[in-house]
Amino acid sequence: MRQNKRSPKDNSIKKIMILGTEPGVGVTHFSILLASYYVFTLGKKVCIVDLSDTDDYLCMDRIYHGDDTFDTSDYIYPIKKIDFLVSSEKPDRSELIKTALAHNHDIIIFDNGTNSDHIEKDMVMCDTKYIIGNCSLWKVLGFEKQITRLPNIHAYRYLFAFGQIENTDILRQKYGIKIRQIPYTDSPFKIEKKQLSELEKIIWEE
């Protein structure tokens, strides 16, 4: 789906980066949940860009739109009023980012999956950066390993979908960071009233 283009230097586009500490922590789910909030609650035009090494979005596209081939260098498809920019091959980060910035969206969400190799170089332009980890007792160490790789830990917001917040007390005390829980939803495309206030606390840092 082609859209009106704008300059890649247009600073009016809000850019959000989401990174997971390991597979399965909920990066894709939260990316869609966040997009749903901006689309359905605030009426914004949002695009999620797949910079991960998974086939999650490609699978979703095929379920909704079939197996038609597409131009991997510039392919944006909509699902439930949210646009998705994907590649059927290993993503070319620079090209996908350039393509995303050239289209007419109010907000761009970059789903990095667990791919942290280039985030400091590519994502310095982002207004907000989220890191999602697992707060199960046997997973907190992985959360800490990701944190220690970051040159500026306070440039990120920390979230978890699974586990118990008390397991992160040491991380919060050691690194001086706040860790919030992502509200549970059956579908990230639909935000119920009971989850809305918790999600807004995350987004607006209440």
N, C-alpha and C. Protein backbone atom coordinates (compact mmCIF):
# COMPACT_ATOMS: atom_id res chain seq x y z
N MET A 1 0.84 -1.19 0.00
CA MET A 1 0.00 0.00 0.00
C MET A 1 0.88 1.25 0.00
N ARG A 2 0.85 1.98 -1.07
CA ARG A 2 1.64 3.19 -1.17
C ARG A 2 0.95 4.34 -0.46
N GLN A 3 1.75 5.20 0.14
CA GLN A 3 1.19 6.34 0.84
C GLN A 3 1.94 7.60 0.45
N ASN A 4 1.35 8.75 0.80
CA ASN A 4 2.03 10.00 0.54
C ASN A 4 3.36 10.02 1.28
N LYS A 5 4.36 10.56 0.61
CA LYS A 5 5.69 10.53 1.21
C LYS A 5 6.04 11.88 1.82
N ARG A 6 6.95 11.82 2.78
CA ARG A 6 7.44 13.03 3.42
C ARG A 6 8.96 12.92 3.55
N SER A 7 9.59 13.98 3.88
CA SER A 7 11.04 13.98 4.00
C SER A 7 11.48 13.11 5.16
N PRO A 8 12.54 12.27 4.97
CA PRO A 8 13.06 11.46 6.06
C PRO A 8 13.55 12.32 7.23
N LYS A 9 13.78 13.60 7.00
CA LYS A 9 14.28 14.49 8.05
C LYS A 9 13.15 15.17 8.83
N ASP A 10 11.91 14.80 8.50
CA ASP A 10 10.76 15.43 9.14
C ASP A 10 10.70 15.01 10.61
N ASN A 11 11.00 15.91 11.53
CA ASN A 11 11.06 15.59 12.94
C ASN A 11 9.69 15.50 13.60
N SER A 12 8.62 15.72 12.82
CA SER A 12 7.28 15.62 13.39
C SER A 12 6.87 14.17 13.60
N ILE A 13 7.61 13.22 13.03
CA ILE A 13 7.31 11.80 13.21
C ILE A 13 7.85 11.35 14.56
N LYS A 14 6.99 10.79 15.39
CA LYS A 14 7.44 10.22 16.65
C LYS A 14 7.99 8.83 16.39
N LYS A 15 9.18 8.54 16.89
CA LYS A 15 9.84 7.27 16.62
C LYS A 15 10.07 6.52 17.93
N ILE A 16 9.70 5.24 17.94
CA ILE A 16 9.77 4.41 19.15
C ILE A 16 10.52 3.13 18.83
N MET A 17 11.45 2.76 19.69
CA MET A 17 12.21 1.52 19.52
C MET A 17 11.85 0.55 20.64
N ILE A 18 11.68 -0.73 20.27
CA ILE A 18 11.38 -1.77 21.26
C ILE A 18 12.35 -2.93 21.06
N LEU A 19 13.01 -3.34 22.14
CA LEU A 19 14.01 -4.41 22.10
C LEU A 19 13.71 -5.42 23.19
N GLY A 20 13.86 -6.71 22.88
CA GLY A 20 13.67 -7.76 23.87
C GLY A 20 15.00 -8.33 24.33
N THR A 21 15.03 -8.79 25.58
CA THR A 21 16.26 -9.36 26.11
C THR A 21 16.51 -10.77 25.58
N GLU A 22 15.43 -11.44 25.16
CA GLU A 22 15.52 -12.80 24.61
C GLU A 22 14.23 -13.10 23.87
N PRO A 23 14.20 -14.15 23.06
CA PRO A 23 12.97 -14.48 22.33
C PRO A 23 11.82 -14.81 23.29
N GLY A 24 10.61 -14.42 22.90
CA GLY A 24 9.42 -14.81 23.64
C GLY A 24 9.04 -13.93 24.81
N VAL A 25 9.70 -12.76 24.95
CA VAL A 25 9.37 -11.90 26.09
C VAL A 25 8.20 -10.97 25.81
N GLY A 26 7.76 -10.89 24.55
CA GLY A 26 6.58 -10.10 24.24
C GLY A 26 6.81 -8.83 23.46
N VAL A 27 7.90 -8.75 22.70
CA VAL A 27 8.20 -7.54 21.93
C VAL A 27 7.15 -7.29 20.85
N THR A 28 6.82 -8.31 20.08
CA THR A 28 5.83 -8.16 19.02
C THR A 28 4.47 -7.81 19.60
N HIS A 29 4.08 -8.49 20.67
CA HIS A 29 2.80 -8.23 21.33
C HIS A 29 2.73 -6.77 21.80
N PHE A 30 3.79 -6.30 22.45
CA PHE A 30 3.79 -4.93 22.96
C PHE A 30 3.83 -3.91 21.82
N SER A 31 4.55 -4.22 20.75
CA SER A 31 4.61 -3.31 19.60
C SER A 31 3.21 -3.08 19.04
N ILE A 32 2.44 -4.15 18.90
CA ILE A 32 1.08 -4.04 18.38
C ILE A 32 0.17 -3.36 19.40
N LEU A 33 0.34 -3.69 20.67
CA LEU A 33 -0.46 -3.07 21.73
C LEU A 33 -0.24 -1.56 21.76
N LEU A 34 1.01 -1.15 21.64
CA LEU A 34 1.35 0.27 21.63
C LEU A 34 0.75 0.96 20.40
N ALA A 35 0.89 0.29 19.26
CA ALA A 35 0.31 0.85 18.03
C ALA A 35 -1.20 0.97 18.15
N SER A 36 -1.84 -0.01 18.74
CA SER A 36 -3.29 0.02 18.91
C SER A 36 -3.72 1.21 19.75
N TYR A 37 -2.95 1.51 20.77
CA TYR A 37 -3.27 2.67 21.62
C TYR A 37 -3.24 3.95 20.80
N TYR A 38 -2.18 4.14 20.05
CA TYR A 38 -2.04 5.37 19.27
C TYR A 38 -3.09 5.46 18.15
N VAL A 39 -3.43 4.32 17.56
CA VAL A 39 -4.41 4.33 16.46
C VAL A 39 -5.84 4.49 16.98
N PHE A 40 -6.22 3.62 17.91
CA PHE A 40 -7.63 3.56 18.30
C PHE A 40 -8.00 4.53 19.43
N THR A 41 -7.01 4.92 20.25
CA THR A 41 -7.30 5.86 21.33
C THR A 41 -7.01 7.30 20.93
N LEU A 42 -5.91 7.51 20.22
CA LEU A 42 -5.50 8.87 19.87
C LEU A 42 -5.75 9.21 18.40
N GLY A 43 -6.12 8.23 17.59
CA GLY A 43 -6.42 8.51 16.18
C GLY A 43 -5.21 8.81 15.33
N LYS A 44 -4.06 8.28 15.67
CA LYS A 44 -2.83 8.51 14.93
C LYS A 44 -2.64 7.49 13.82
N LYS A 45 -1.81 7.84 12.84
CA LYS A 45 -1.41 6.91 11.78
C LYS A 45 -0.08 6.28 12.19
N VAL A 46 -0.08 4.96 12.32
CA VAL A 46 1.07 4.27 12.90
C VAL A 46 1.57 3.17 11.98
N CYS A 47 2.89 3.03 11.93
CA CYS A 47 3.52 1.94 11.19
C CYS A 47 4.49 1.20 12.12
N ILE A 48 4.38 -0.12 12.14
CA ILE A 48 5.34 -0.96 12.85
C ILE A 48 6.34 -1.49 11.83
N VAL A 49 7.63 -1.31 12.10
CA VAL A 49 8.69 -1.75 11.20
C VAL A 49 9.37 -2.98 11.80
N ASP A 50 9.39 -4.06 11.05
CA ASP A 50 9.98 -5.31 11.53
C ASP A 50 11.48 -5.33 11.27
N LEU A 51 12.26 -5.12 12.34
CA LEU A 51 13.71 -5.20 12.24
C LEU A 51 14.24 -6.43 12.97
N SER A 52 13.34 -7.33 13.31
CA SER A 52 13.72 -8.54 14.04
C SER A 52 14.18 -9.62 13.06
N ASP A 53 14.59 -10.74 13.63
CA ASP A 53 15.01 -11.87 12.80
C ASP A 53 13.96 -12.98 12.81
N THR A 54 12.72 -12.63 13.14
CA THR A 54 11.65 -13.63 13.18
C THR A 54 10.72 -13.46 11.98
N ASP A 55 9.79 -14.39 11.84
CA ASP A 55 8.80 -14.33 10.75
C ASP A 55 7.42 -13.97 11.28
N ASP A 56 7.35 -13.38 12.47
CA ASP A 56 6.05 -13.14 13.11
C ASP A 56 5.13 -12.28 12.25
N TYR A 57 5.64 -11.17 11.77
CA TYR A 57 4.80 -10.25 11.01
C TYR A 57 4.50 -10.81 9.62
N LEU A 58 5.45 -11.51 9.05
CA LEU A 58 5.24 -12.13 7.74
C LEU A 58 4.14 -13.19 7.84
N CYS A 59 4.15 -13.94 8.93
CA CYS A 59 3.12 -14.95 9.16
C CYS A 59 1.76 -14.28 9.30
N MET A 60 1.71 -13.18 10.05
CA MET A 60 0.47 -12.45 10.24
C MET A 60 -0.07 -11.91 8.92
N ASP A 61 0.84 -11.42 8.09
CA ASP A 61 0.46 -10.90 6.78
C ASP A 61 -0.17 -12.00 5.93
N ARG A 62 0.45 -13.18 5.93
CA ARG A 62 -0.05 -14.27 5.09
C ARG A 62 -1.40 -14.77 5.57
N ILE A 63 -1.63 -14.74 6.88
CA ILE A 63 -2.93 -15.15 7.42
C ILE A 63 -4.02 -14.18 6.95
N TYR A 64 -3.70 -12.89 6.95
CA TYR A 64 -4.68 -11.88 6.58
C TYR A 64 -4.80 -11.68 5.08
N HIS A 65 -3.68 -11.79 4.36
CA HIS A 65 -3.69 -11.38 2.95
C HIS A 65 -3.29 -12.47 1.97
N GLY A 66 -3.00 -13.67 2.43
CA GLY A 66 -2.63 -14.73 1.51
C GLY A 66 -1.15 -14.76 1.20
N ASP A 67 -0.76 -15.55 0.22
CA ASP A 67 0.65 -15.79 -0.10
C ASP A 67 1.15 -15.01 -1.30
N ASP A 68 0.54 -13.88 -1.63
CA ASP A 68 0.99 -13.09 -2.76
C ASP A 68 2.41 -12.60 -2.53
N THR A 69 3.23 -12.61 -3.58
CA THR A 69 4.59 -12.11 -3.46
C THR A 69 4.57 -10.59 -3.41
N PHE A 70 5.66 -9.99 -2.93
CA PHE A 70 5.71 -8.55 -2.82
C PHE A 70 7.14 -8.04 -2.95
N ASP A 71 7.25 -6.76 -3.17
CA ASP A 71 8.55 -6.11 -3.26
C ASP A 71 9.08 -5.90 -1.86
N THR A 72 10.12 -6.65 -1.48
CA THR A 72 10.60 -6.62 -0.10
C THR A 72 11.26 -5.30 0.25
N SER A 73 11.59 -4.46 -0.72
CA SER A 73 12.27 -3.21 -0.41
C SER A 73 11.30 -2.12 0.04
N ASP A 74 10.00 -2.30 -0.21
CA ASP A 74 9.04 -1.25 0.12
C ASP A 74 7.64 -1.86 0.19
N TYR A 75 7.37 -2.60 1.24
CA TYR A 75 6.09 -3.28 1.35
C TYR A 75 5.42 -2.93 2.66
N ILE A 76 4.34 -2.19 2.60
CA ILE A 76 3.57 -1.83 3.78
C ILE A 76 2.17 -2.41 3.64
N TYR A 77 1.75 -3.19 4.62
CA TYR A 77 0.41 -3.76 4.58
C TYR A 77 -0.35 -3.39 5.86
N PRO A 78 -1.66 -3.21 5.76
CA PRO A 78 -2.45 -2.86 6.94
C PRO A 78 -3.17 -4.07 7.54
N ILE A 79 -3.25 -4.08 8.86
CA ILE A 79 -4.11 -5.00 9.59
C ILE A 79 -4.81 -4.20 10.68
N LYS A 80 -6.11 -4.16 10.64
CA LYS A 80 -6.91 -3.46 11.65
C LYS A 80 -6.44 -2.00 11.84
N LYS A 81 -6.21 -1.32 10.74
CA LYS A 81 -5.84 0.11 10.72
C LYS A 81 -4.41 0.40 11.16
N ILE A 82 -3.63 -0.63 11.44
CA ILE A 82 -2.21 -0.44 11.75
C ILE A 82 -1.42 -0.89 10.53
N ASP A 83 -0.43 -0.09 10.10
CA ASP A 83 0.42 -0.46 8.97
C ASP A 83 1.64 -1.23 9.47
N PHE A 84 2.12 -2.16 8.64
CA PHE A 84 3.29 -2.96 8.96
C PHE A 84 4.25 -2.92 7.78
N LEU A 85 5.52 -2.70 8.07
CA LEU A 85 6.57 -2.71 7.06
C LEU A 85 7.47 -3.91 7.34
N VAL A 86 7.51 -4.85 6.39
CA VAL A 86 8.23 -6.10 6.62
C VAL A 86 9.12 -6.44 5.43
N SER A 87 9.99 -7.41 5.66
CA SER A 87 10.81 -7.98 4.59
C SER A 87 10.67 -9.49 4.65
N SER A 88 10.63 -10.14 3.49
CA SER A 88 10.51 -11.60 3.47
C SER A 88 11.87 -12.27 3.63
N GLU A 89 12.93 -11.47 3.66
CA GLU A 89 14.28 -11.99 3.82
C GLU A 89 14.89 -11.34 5.06
N LYS A 90 16.17 -11.60 5.32
CA LYS A 90 16.83 -10.94 6.45
C LYS A 90 16.74 -9.44 6.23
N PRO A 91 16.18 -8.71 7.18
CA PRO A 91 15.91 -7.29 6.93
C PRO A 91 17.16 -6.45 6.72
N ASP A 92 17.12 -5.58 5.73
CA ASP A 92 18.15 -4.57 5.54
C ASP A 92 17.73 -3.38 6.39
N ARG A 93 18.34 -3.26 7.55
CA ARG A 93 17.89 -2.26 8.53
C ARG A 93 17.85 -0.86 7.95
N SER A 94 18.92 -0.46 7.31
CA SER A 94 19.00 0.91 6.81
C SER A 94 17.93 1.21 5.78
N GLU A 95 17.65 0.22 4.90
CA GLU A 95 16.63 0.43 3.87
C GLU A 95 15.23 0.47 4.46
N LEU A 96 14.96 -0.41 5.40
CA LEU A 96 13.64 -0.42 6.04
C LEU A 96 13.40 0.86 6.82
N ILE A 97 14.41 1.32 7.52
CA ILE A 97 14.28 2.57 8.29
C ILE A 97 14.04 3.74 7.34
N LYS A 98 14.80 3.78 6.27
CA LYS A 98 14.66 4.85 5.27
C LYS A 98 13.26 4.82 4.66
N THR A 99 12.78 3.65 4.31
CA THR A 99 11.44 3.52 3.74
C THR A 99 10.37 3.97 4.73
N ALA A 100 10.50 3.56 5.98
CA ALA A 100 9.52 3.93 7.00
C ALA A 100 9.44 5.44 7.17
N LEU A 101 10.57 6.10 7.21
CA LEU A 101 10.62 7.54 7.44
C LEU A 101 10.09 8.33 6.24
N ALA A 102 10.03 7.69 5.08
CA ALA A 102 9.59 8.39 3.88
C ALA A 102 8.08 8.36 3.69
N HIS A 103 7.36 7.63 4.56
CA HIS A 103 5.91 7.51 4.42
C HIS A 103 5.18 8.38 5.43
N ASN A 104 3.91 8.56 5.15
CA ASN A 104 3.11 9.53 5.89
C ASN A 104 2.48 8.93 7.15
N HIS A 105 3.28 8.77 8.19
CA HIS A 105 2.79 8.26 9.47
C HIS A 105 3.11 9.27 10.57
N ASP A 106 2.26 9.27 11.57
CA ASP A 106 2.52 10.12 12.75
C ASP A 106 3.54 9.47 13.67
N ILE A 107 3.48 8.15 13.74
CA ILE A 107 4.32 7.40 14.68
C ILE A 107 4.88 6.16 13.99
N ILE A 108 6.17 5.90 14.21
CA ILE A 108 6.81 4.69 13.70
C ILE A 108 7.35 3.91 14.89
N ILE A 109 6.99 2.63 14.94
CA ILE A 109 7.46 1.74 16.00
C ILE A 109 8.42 0.73 15.39
N PHE A 110 9.66 0.71 15.86
CA PHE A 110 10.66 -0.22 15.35
C PHE A 110 10.73 -1.43 16.28
N ASP A 111 10.32 -2.59 15.78
CA ASP A 111 10.40 -3.84 16.54
C ASP A 111 11.74 -4.48 16.22
N ASN A 112 12.67 -4.42 17.18
CA ASN A 112 14.00 -4.97 16.98
C ASN A 112 14.11 -6.44 17.34
N GLY A 113 13.03 -7.03 17.90
CA GLY A 113 13.17 -8.39 18.40
C GLY A 113 14.24 -8.41 19.47
N THR A 114 15.19 -9.31 19.34
CA THR A 114 16.33 -9.36 20.27
C THR A 114 17.61 -8.86 19.61
N ASN A 115 17.47 -8.24 18.46
CA ASN A 115 18.63 -7.80 17.68
C ASN A 115 19.18 -6.48 18.21
N SER A 116 20.15 -6.57 19.10
CA SER A 116 20.69 -5.37 19.75
C SER A 116 22.01 -4.88 19.15
N ASP A 117 22.49 -5.56 18.10
CA ASP A 117 23.81 -5.23 17.55
C ASP A 117 23.91 -3.80 17.03
N HIS A 118 22.82 -3.29 16.46
CA HIS A 118 22.89 -2.00 15.78
C HIS A 118 22.01 -0.92 16.43
N ILE A 119 21.44 -1.22 17.59
CA ILE A 119 20.44 -0.28 18.09
C ILE A 119 21.02 1.08 18.44
N GLU A 120 22.24 1.11 18.94
CA GLU A 120 22.80 2.42 19.31
C GLU A 120 23.07 3.26 18.07
N LYS A 121 23.49 2.62 17.01
CA LYS A 121 23.81 3.33 15.77
C LYS A 121 22.54 3.78 15.05
N ASP A 122 21.57 2.86 14.92
CA ASP A 122 20.36 3.13 14.13
C ASP A 122 19.27 3.85 14.92
N MET A 123 19.20 3.58 16.22
CA MET A 123 18.04 4.02 16.98
C MET A 123 18.29 5.28 17.80
N VAL A 124 19.43 5.93 17.60
CA VAL A 124 19.69 7.17 18.32
C VAL A 124 18.64 8.22 17.98
N MET A 125 18.00 8.06 16.83
CA MET A 125 16.98 9.02 16.38
C MET A 125 15.65 8.85 17.12
N CYS A 126 15.49 7.75 17.87
CA CYS A 126 14.18 7.47 18.47
C CYS A 126 13.91 8.34 19.69
N ASP A 127 12.65 8.74 19.80
CA ASP A 127 12.22 9.56 20.93
C ASP A 127 12.08 8.74 22.20
N THR A 128 11.62 7.50 22.06
CA THR A 128 11.39 6.62 23.21
C THR A 128 11.95 5.25 22.89
N LYS A 129 12.61 4.64 23.89
CA LYS A 129 13.21 3.32 23.70
C LYS A 129 12.79 2.41 24.85
N TYR A 130 12.18 1.28 24.49
CA TYR A 130 11.74 0.31 25.49
C TYR A 130 12.59 -0.95 25.41
N ILE A 131 12.90 -1.51 26.57
CA ILE A 131 13.51 -2.83 26.64
C ILE A 131 12.58 -3.73 27.44
N ILE A 132 12.25 -4.90 26.86
CA ILE A 132 11.35 -5.83 27.51
C ILE A 132 12.11 -7.08 27.92
N GLY A 133 11.99 -7.44 29.19
CA GLY A 133 12.65 -8.63 29.71
C GLY A 133 11.66 -9.54 30.40
N ASN A 134 12.18 -10.61 30.97
CA ASN A 134 11.36 -11.58 31.70
C ASN A 134 11.75 -11.50 33.17
N CYS A 135 10.77 -11.32 34.05
CA CYS A 135 11.05 -11.18 35.48
C CYS A 135 10.80 -12.47 36.25
N SER A 136 10.73 -13.60 35.56
CA SER A 136 10.72 -14.87 36.28
C SER A 136 12.07 -15.03 36.98
N LEU A 137 12.07 -15.70 38.12
CA LEU A 137 13.27 -15.79 38.94
C LEU A 137 14.46 -16.34 38.16
N TRP A 138 14.19 -17.28 37.24
CA TRP A 138 15.27 -17.91 36.47
C TRP A 138 15.63 -17.16 35.20
N LYS A 139 14.98 -16.00 34.98
CA LYS A 139 15.24 -15.23 33.77
C LYS A 139 15.82 -13.84 34.04
N VAL A 140 15.85 -13.42 35.29
CA VAL A 140 16.29 -12.06 35.60
C VAL A 140 17.74 -11.81 35.19
N LEU A 141 18.56 -12.85 35.26
CA LEU A 141 19.97 -12.70 34.86
C LEU A 141 20.08 -12.26 33.41
N GLY A 142 19.23 -12.79 32.53
CA GLY A 142 19.23 -12.38 31.12
C GLY A 142 18.85 -10.93 30.97
N PHE A 143 17.93 -10.48 31.81
CA PHE A 143 17.53 -9.07 31.83
C PHE A 143 18.74 -8.21 32.16
N GLU A 144 19.48 -8.60 33.18
CA GLU A 144 20.64 -7.81 33.61
C GLU A 144 21.73 -7.81 32.55
N LYS A 145 21.94 -8.92 31.86
CA LYS A 145 22.97 -8.98 30.82
C LYS A 145 22.69 -7.98 29.71
N GLN A 146 21.41 -7.86 29.33
CA GLN A 146 21.06 -6.88 28.30
C GLN A 146 21.29 -5.46 28.79
N ILE A 147 20.94 -5.20 30.03
CA ILE A 147 21.12 -3.86 30.60
C ILE A 147 22.59 -3.46 30.59
N THR A 148 23.47 -4.39 30.96
CA THR A 148 24.89 -4.06 31.06
C THR A 148 25.54 -3.83 29.70
N ARG A 149 24.87 -4.22 28.62
CA ARG A 149 25.41 -3.98 27.28
C ARG A 149 25.15 -2.54 26.81
N LEU A 150 24.27 -1.84 27.49
CA LEU A 150 23.86 -0.52 27.04
C LEU A 150 24.82 0.57 27.52
N PRO A 151 25.23 1.48 26.63
CA PRO A 151 26.13 2.56 27.04
C PRO A 151 25.46 3.58 27.95
N ASN A 152 24.14 3.72 27.83
CA ASN A 152 23.39 4.66 28.67
C ASN A 152 22.09 4.00 29.10
N ILE A 153 22.11 3.35 30.25
CA ILE A 153 20.95 2.57 30.67
C ILE A 153 19.73 3.44 30.97
N HIS A 154 19.96 4.71 31.26
CA HIS A 154 18.84 5.58 31.61
C HIS A 154 18.16 6.19 30.38
N ALA A 155 18.62 5.81 29.20
CA ALA A 155 17.97 6.28 27.96
C ALA A 155 16.81 5.37 27.58
N TYR A 156 16.59 4.32 28.36
CA TYR A 156 15.58 3.31 28.04
C TYR A 156 14.53 3.22 29.13
N ARG A 157 13.34 2.71 28.74
CA ARG A 157 12.29 2.38 29.68
C ARG A 157 12.19 0.86 29.74
N TYR A 158 12.07 0.31 30.94
CA TYR A 158 12.15 -1.14 31.12
C TYR A 158 10.78 -1.73 31.47
N LEU A 159 10.44 -2.83 30.77
CA LEU A 159 9.14 -3.46 30.91
C LEU A 159 9.29 -4.97 31.03
N PHE A 160 8.23 -5.60 31.56
CA PHE A 160 8.17 -7.06 31.55
C PHE A 160 6.72 -7.49 31.41
N ALA A 161 6.52 -8.64 30.79
CA ALA A 161 5.18 -9.20 30.64
C ALA A 161 4.99 -10.43 31.52
N PHE A 162 6.10 -11.13 31.80
CA PHE A 162 6.03 -12.37 32.55
C PHE A 162 6.93 -12.31 33.78
N GLY A 163 6.49 -12.96 34.86
CA GLY A 163 7.28 -12.99 36.07
C GLY A 163 6.72 -12.09 37.15
N GLN A 164 7.52 -11.86 38.19
CA GLN A 164 7.10 -11.08 39.34
C GLN A 164 8.02 -9.88 39.51
N ILE A 165 7.43 -8.73 39.78
CA ILE A 165 8.21 -7.50 39.90
C ILE A 165 9.21 -7.57 41.04
N GLU A 166 8.89 -8.32 42.12
CA GLU A 166 9.82 -8.39 43.26
C GLU A 166 11.15 -9.03 42.88
N ASN A 167 11.16 -9.81 41.81
CA ASN A 167 12.41 -10.43 41.38
C ASN A 167 13.39 -9.42 40.78
N THR A 168 12.90 -8.23 40.51
CA THR A 168 13.78 -7.21 39.91
C THR A 168 14.26 -6.18 40.93
N ASP A 169 13.98 -6.41 42.20
CA ASP A 169 14.39 -5.43 43.23
C ASP A 169 15.88 -5.14 43.17
N ILE A 170 16.68 -6.19 42.98
CA ILE A 170 18.14 -6.00 42.93
C ILE A 170 18.53 -5.16 41.72
N LEU A 171 17.89 -5.42 40.56
CA LEU A 171 18.19 -4.64 39.36
C LEU A 171 17.84 -3.18 39.57
N ARG A 172 16.68 -2.93 40.17
CA ARG A 172 16.24 -1.55 40.39
C ARG A 172 17.17 -0.82 41.35
N GLN A 173 17.62 -1.52 42.37
CA GLN A 173 18.52 -0.89 43.33
C GLN A 173 19.93 -0.72 42.76
N LYS A 174 20.38 -1.72 42.02
CA LYS A 174 21.75 -1.71 41.48
C LYS A 174 21.93 -0.67 40.37
N TYR A 175 20.90 -0.55 39.49
CA TYR A 175 21.04 0.30 38.32
C TYR A 175 20.18 1.56 38.38
N GLY A 176 19.34 1.67 39.39
CA GLY A 176 18.51 2.87 39.53
C GLY A 176 17.49 3.02 38.42
N ILE A 177 16.91 1.90 37.99
CA ILE A 177 15.94 1.93 36.89
C ILE A 177 14.55 1.56 37.40
N LYS A 178 13.54 2.01 36.71
CA LYS A 178 12.15 1.65 37.01
C LYS A 178 11.70 0.59 36.01
N ILE A 179 11.07 -0.47 36.52
CA ILE A 179 10.60 -1.55 35.67
C ILE A 179 9.09 -1.67 35.83
N ARG A 180 8.36 -1.61 34.72
CA ARG A 180 6.90 -1.66 34.76
C ARG A 180 6.38 -2.92 34.09
N GLN A 181 5.21 -3.34 34.52
CA GLN A 181 4.59 -4.54 33.94
C GLN A 181 3.64 -4.16 32.81
N ILE A 182 3.74 -4.87 31.69
CA ILE A 182 2.83 -4.67 30.56
C ILE A 182 1.49 -5.30 30.91
N PRO A 183 0.39 -4.57 30.79
CA PRO A 183 -0.91 -5.16 31.12
C PRO A 183 -1.25 -6.31 30.19
N TYR A 184 -1.85 -7.36 30.75
CA TYR A 184 -2.21 -8.53 29.94
C TYR A 184 -3.43 -8.23 29.07
N THR A 185 -3.35 -8.64 27.83
CA THR A 185 -4.49 -8.54 26.91
C THR A 185 -4.57 -9.82 26.09
N ASP A 186 -5.79 -10.28 25.82
CA ASP A 186 -5.96 -11.47 24.97
C ASP A 186 -5.48 -11.18 23.56
N SER A 187 -5.77 -9.98 23.08
CA SER A 187 -5.34 -9.56 21.75
C SER A 187 -4.74 -8.16 21.84
N PRO A 188 -3.54 -7.97 21.29
CA PRO A 188 -2.94 -6.63 21.34
C PRO A 188 -3.66 -5.63 20.44
N PHE A 189 -4.57 -6.11 19.58
CA PHE A 189 -5.33 -5.21 18.73
C PHE A 189 -6.53 -4.61 19.45
N LYS A 190 -6.79 -5.08 20.64
CA LYS A 190 -7.96 -4.59 21.38
C LYS A 190 -7.58 -4.29 22.83
N ILE A 191 -7.72 -3.04 23.23
CA ILE A 191 -7.38 -2.63 24.59
C ILE A 191 -8.66 -2.40 25.38
N GLU A 192 -8.84 -3.20 26.41
CA GLU A 192 -10.01 -3.04 27.27
C GLU A 192 -9.78 -1.88 28.24
N LYS A 193 -10.86 -1.40 28.82
CA LYS A 193 -10.79 -0.26 29.73
C LYS A 193 -9.87 -0.54 30.91
N LYS A 194 -9.90 -1.77 31.42
CA LYS A 194 -9.10 -2.10 32.60
C LYS A 194 -7.60 -2.10 32.30
N GLN A 195 -7.21 -2.31 31.02
CA GLN A 195 -5.79 -2.26 30.67
C GLN A 195 -5.34 -0.87 30.24
N LEU A 196 -6.28 -0.04 29.86
CA LEU A 196 -5.94 1.26 29.29
C LEU A 196 -5.17 2.14 30.26
N SER A 197 -5.61 2.21 31.50
CA SER A 197 -4.94 3.09 32.47
C SER A 197 -3.52 2.62 32.75
N GLU A 198 -3.32 1.29 32.81
CA GLU A 198 -1.97 0.77 33.06
C GLU A 198 -1.06 1.03 31.87
N LEU A 199 -1.60 0.90 30.68
CA LEU A 199 -0.81 1.17 29.48
C LEU A 199 -0.43 2.64 29.40
N GLU A 200 -1.36 3.51 29.75
CA GLU A 200 -1.06 4.94 29.71
C GLU A 200 0.00 5.34 30.73
N LYS A 201 0.06 4.63 31.84
CA LYS A 201 1.12 4.89 32.83
C LYS A 201 2.48 4.58 32.23
N ILE A 202 2.54 3.54 31.43
CA ILE A 202 3.80 3.18 30.75
C ILE A 202 4.16 4.24 29.71
N ILE A 203 3.18 4.61 28.88
CA ILE A 203 3.44 5.51 27.77
C ILE A 203 3.79 6.92 28.24
N TRP A 204 3.06 7.38 29.24
CA TRP A 204 3.25 8.75 29.70
C TRP A 204 4.08 8.86 30.97
N GLU A 205 4.69 7.72 31.39
CA GLU A 205 5.62 7.70 32.52
C GLU A 205 5.01 8.27 33.80
N GLU A 206 3.83 7.81 34.13
CA GLU A 206 3.20 8.26 35.38
C GLU A 206 3.75 7.48 36.55
